[in-house]
């Protein structure tokens, strides 16, 4: 009983760590769940970052909007995957919302729901 409880606590901690570390996080569960995600940078709320950690040949990108121009969709890419780096976009204005998508050739790109700031 104690081992199951400890395992459950550990799984919960691992699941919430990215949200705590990155602030508002939008996950897209691709071929490996949770490997594509975008997040706002909490210290300025004027940056969005995208990370593609899968080695599946499909890049990741984030659509984002700012508070001053909520009708204009912007995009930041992390096309290489399988690397420690990520794509970063900064704006003069605060982020309003963002989502994570995976770039698929010859098919619609699947995306997460929007994370609202």
C-alpha atoms as a PDB file:
ATOM      1  CA  UNK A   1       0.000   0.000   0.000  1.00  0.00           C
ATOM      2  CA  UNK A   2       2.799   2.436   0.891  1.00  0.00           C
ATOM      3  CA  UNK A   3       4.660   1.795  -2.375  1.00  0.00           C
ATOM      4  CA  UNK A   4       1.542   2.481  -4.481  1.00  0.00           C
ATOM      5  CA  UNK A   5       0.917   5.732  -2.613  1.00  0.00           C
ATOM      6  CA  UNK A   6       4.542   6.830  -3.071  1.00  0.00           C
ATOM      7  CA  UNK A   7       4.360   5.976  -6.789  1.00  0.00           C
ATOM      8  CA  UNK A   8       1.161   7.986  -7.155  1.00  0.00           C
ATOM      9  CA  UNK A   9       2.736  11.012  -5.441  1.00  0.00           C
ATOM     10  CA  UNK A  10       5.825  10.778  -7.659  1.00  0.00           C
ATOM     11  CA  UNK A  11       3.707  10.529 -10.832  1.00  0.00           C
ATOM     12  CA  UNK A  12       1.685  13.578  -9.758  1.00  0.00           C
ATOM     13  CA  UNK A  13       4.842  15.590  -9.020  1.00  0.00           C
ATOM     14  CA  UNK A  14       6.340  14.753 -12.412  1.00  0.00           C
ATOM     15  CA  UNK A  15       3.090  15.676 -14.157  1.00  0.00           C
ATOM     16  CA  UNK A  16       2.783  19.142 -12.606  1.00  0.00           C
ATOM     17  CA  UNK A  17       6.473  20.136 -12.632  1.00  0.00           C
ATOM     18  CA  UNK A  18       6.454  21.637 -16.172  1.00  0.00           C
ATOM     19  CA  UNK A  19       3.397  23.759 -15.405  1.00  0.00           C
ATOM     20  CA  UNK A  20       5.032  25.114 -12.271  1.00  0.00           C
ATOM     21  CA  UNK A  21       8.383  25.704 -13.937  1.00  0.00           C
ATOM     22  CA  UNK A  22       7.081  27.195 -17.175  1.00  0.00           C
ATOM     23  CA  UNK A  23       3.934  29.016 -16.078  1.00  0.00           C
ATOM     24  CA  UNK A  24       1.061  28.633 -18.541  1.00  0.00           C
ATOM     25  CA  UNK A  25       1.859  25.537 -20.568  1.00  0.00           C
ATOM     26  CA  UNK A  26       0.075  24.138 -23.637  1.00  0.00           C
ATOM     27  CA  UNK A  27       0.827  20.457 -24.223  1.00  0.00           C
ATOM     28  CA  UNK A  28       0.371  18.513 -27.423  1.00  0.00           C
ATOM     29  CA  UNK A  29       0.705  14.779 -26.889  1.00  0.00           C
ATOM     30  CA  UNK A  30       2.324  13.535 -30.078  1.00  0.00           C
ATOM     31  CA  UNK A  31       4.008  10.202 -30.578  1.00  0.00           C
ATOM     32  CA  UNK A  32       5.524  10.417 -27.100  1.00  0.00           C
ATOM     33  CA  UNK A  33       3.036  12.029 -24.689  1.00  0.00           C
ATOM     34  CA  UNK A  34       4.039  15.434 -23.445  1.00  0.00           C
ATOM     35  CA  UNK A  35       7.087  15.923 -25.644  1.00  0.00           C
ATOM     36  CA  UNK A  36       5.717  18.919 -27.575  1.00  0.00           C
ATOM     37  CA  UNK A  37       4.825  21.944 -25.490  1.00  0.00           C
ATOM     38  CA  UNK A  38       4.834  25.728 -25.469  1.00  0.00           C
ATOM     39  CA  UNK A  39       4.881  28.019 -22.461  1.00  0.00           C
ATOM     40  CA  UNK A  40       4.954  31.655 -21.521  1.00  0.00           C
ATOM     41  CA  UNK A  41       7.974  33.005 -19.707  1.00  0.00           C
ATOM     42  CA  UNK A  42       6.760  34.172 -16.314  1.00  0.00           C
ATOM     43  CA  UNK A  43       9.392  36.824 -15.613  1.00  0.00           C
ATOM     44  CA  UNK A  44       8.194  39.055 -18.428  1.00  0.00           C
ATOM     45  CA  UNK A  45       5.033  37.434 -19.889  1.00  0.00           C
ATOM     46  CA  UNK A  46       6.178  38.830 -23.228  1.00  0.00           C
ATOM     47  CA  UNK A  47       7.812  35.650 -24.525  1.00  0.00           C
ATOM     48  CA  UNK A  48       6.516  32.306 -25.672  1.00  0.00           C
ATOM     49  CA  UNK A  49       8.749  29.289 -26.120  1.00  0.00           C
ATOM     50  CA  UNK A  50       8.126  26.065 -28.025  1.00  0.00           C
ATOM     51  CA  UNK A  51       9.881  22.753 -27.457  1.00  0.00           C
ATOM     52  CA  UNK A  52       9.822  19.728 -29.763  1.00  0.00           C
ATOM     53  CA  UNK A  53      11.427  16.862 -27.878  1.00  0.00           C
ATOM     54  CA  UNK A  54      10.251  14.041 -30.109  1.00  0.00           C
ATOM     55  CA  UNK A  55      12.423  12.271 -32.651  1.00  0.00           C
ATOM     56  CA  UNK A  56       9.542  11.667 -35.041  1.00  0.00           C
ATOM     57  CA  UNK A  57      10.531  13.878 -37.990  1.00  0.00           C
ATOM     58  CA  UNK A  58       7.704  16.369 -37.327  1.00  0.00           C
ATOM     59  CA  UNK A  59       8.583  19.838 -36.080  1.00  0.00           C
ATOM     60  CA  UNK A  60       6.552  21.677 -33.455  1.00  0.00           C
ATOM     61  CA  UNK A  61       5.282  25.231 -33.437  1.00  0.00           C
ATOM     62  CA  UNK A  62       3.171  27.542 -31.326  1.00  0.00           C
ATOM     63  CA  UNK A  63       0.425  29.903 -32.429  1.00  0.00           C
ATOM     64  CA  UNK A  64       0.204  32.882 -30.092  1.00  0.00           C
ATOM     65  CA  UNK A  65      -1.673  36.149 -29.702  1.00  0.00           C
ATOM     66  CA  UNK A  66      -0.844  39.288 -27.739  1.00  0.00           C
ATOM     67  CA  UNK A  67      -3.150  41.421 -25.577  1.00  0.00           C
ATOM     68  CA  UNK A  68      -2.942  44.447 -27.869  1.00  0.00           C
ATOM     69  CA  UNK A  69      -3.813  42.601 -31.077  1.00  0.00           C
ATOM     70  CA  UNK A  70      -5.856  39.545 -30.153  1.00  0.00           C
ATOM     71  CA  UNK A  71      -6.956  39.052 -33.761  1.00  0.00           C
ATOM     72  CA  UNK A  72      -3.470  38.583 -35.225  1.00  0.00           C
ATOM     73  CA  UNK A  73      -2.075  35.083 -35.037  1.00  0.00           C
ATOM     74  CA  UNK A  74       1.683  34.816 -34.749  1.00  0.00           C
ATOM     75  CA  UNK A  75       3.878  31.717 -34.956  1.00  0.00           C
ATOM     76  CA  UNK A  76       7.156  30.514 -33.468  1.00  0.00           C
ATOM     77  CA  UNK A  77       8.813  27.253 -34.585  1.00  0.00           C
ATOM     78  CA  UNK A  78      11.075  24.544 -33.212  1.00  0.00           C
ATOM     79  CA  UNK A  79      11.493  22.526 -36.397  1.00  0.00           C
ATOM     80  CA  UNK A  80      14.432  20.297 -35.532  1.00  0.00           C
ATOM     81  CA  UNK A  81      13.137  18.184 -32.615  1.00  0.00           C
ATOM     82  CA  UNK A  82      15.430  15.752 -30.839  1.00  0.00           C
ATOM     83  CA  UNK A  83      17.520  18.594 -29.431  1.00  0.00           C
ATOM     84  CA  UNK A  84      17.869  20.496 -26.209  1.00  0.00           C
ATOM     85  CA  UNK A  85      17.039  23.862 -27.792  1.00  0.00           C
ATOM     86  CA  UNK A  86      13.683  25.465 -28.372  1.00  0.00           C
ATOM     87  CA  UNK A  87      12.138  28.216 -30.419  1.00  0.00           C
ATOM     88  CA  UNK A  88      11.516  31.545 -28.674  1.00  0.00           C
ATOM     89  CA  UNK A  89       9.495  34.572 -29.725  1.00  0.00           C
ATOM     90  CA  UNK A  90       9.348  37.830 -27.804  1.00  0.00           C
ATOM     91  CA  UNK A  91       6.857  40.626 -28.223  1.00  0.00           C
ATOM     92  CA  UNK A  92       6.572  44.208 -27.056  1.00  0.00           C
ATOM     93  CA  UNK A  93       3.143  43.270 -25.747  1.00  0.00           C
ATOM     94  CA  UNK A  94       1.881  40.737 -23.230  1.00  0.00           C
ATOM     95  CA  UNK A  95       0.774  37.317 -24.346  1.00  0.00           C
ATOM     96  CA  UNK A  96      -2.944  36.651 -24.469  1.00  0.00           C
ATOM     97  CA  UNK A  97      -3.024  32.958 -25.445  1.00  0.00           C
ATOM     98  CA  UNK A  98      -0.932  30.273 -27.134  1.00  0.00           C
ATOM     99  CA  UNK A  99      -1.182  26.659 -28.267  1.00  0.00           C
ATOM    100  CA  UNK A 100       1.170  23.888 -29.366  1.00  0.00           C
ATOM    101  CA  UNK A 101       0.961  22.210 -32.771  1.00  0.00           C
ATOM    102  CA  UNK A 102       2.881  19.522 -34.619  1.00  0.00           C
ATOM    103  CA  UNK A 103       3.810  20.069 -38.257  1.00  0.00           C
ATOM    104  CA  UNK A 104       2.510  17.163 -40.390  1.00  0.00           C
ATOM    105  CA  UNK A 105       3.136  16.988 -44.130  1.00  0.00           C
ATOM    106  CA  UNK A 106       0.125  16.308 -46.338  1.00  0.00           C
ATOM    107  CA  UNK A 107      -2.260  16.213 -43.368  1.00  0.00           C
ATOM    108  CA  UNK A 108      -3.906  18.710 -41.002  1.00  0.00           C
ATOM    109  CA  UNK A 109      -1.649  19.753 -38.134  1.00  0.00           C
ATOM    110  CA  UNK A 110      -2.926  18.537 -34.755  1.00  0.00           C
ATOM    111  CA  UNK A 111      -2.854  21.157 -31.985  1.00  0.00           C
ATOM    112  CA  UNK A 112      -3.477  21.433 -28.275  1.00  0.00           C
ATOM    113  CA  UNK A 113      -6.148  23.665 -26.829  1.00  0.00           C
ATOM    114  CA  UNK A 114      -5.234  27.266 -26.083  1.00  0.00           C
ATOM    115  CA  UNK A 115      -3.612  28.239 -22.809  1.00  0.00           C
ATOM    116  CA  UNK A 116      -4.995  31.634 -21.747  1.00  0.00           C
ATOM    117  CA  UNK A 117      -2.820  33.974 -19.721  1.00  0.00           C
END
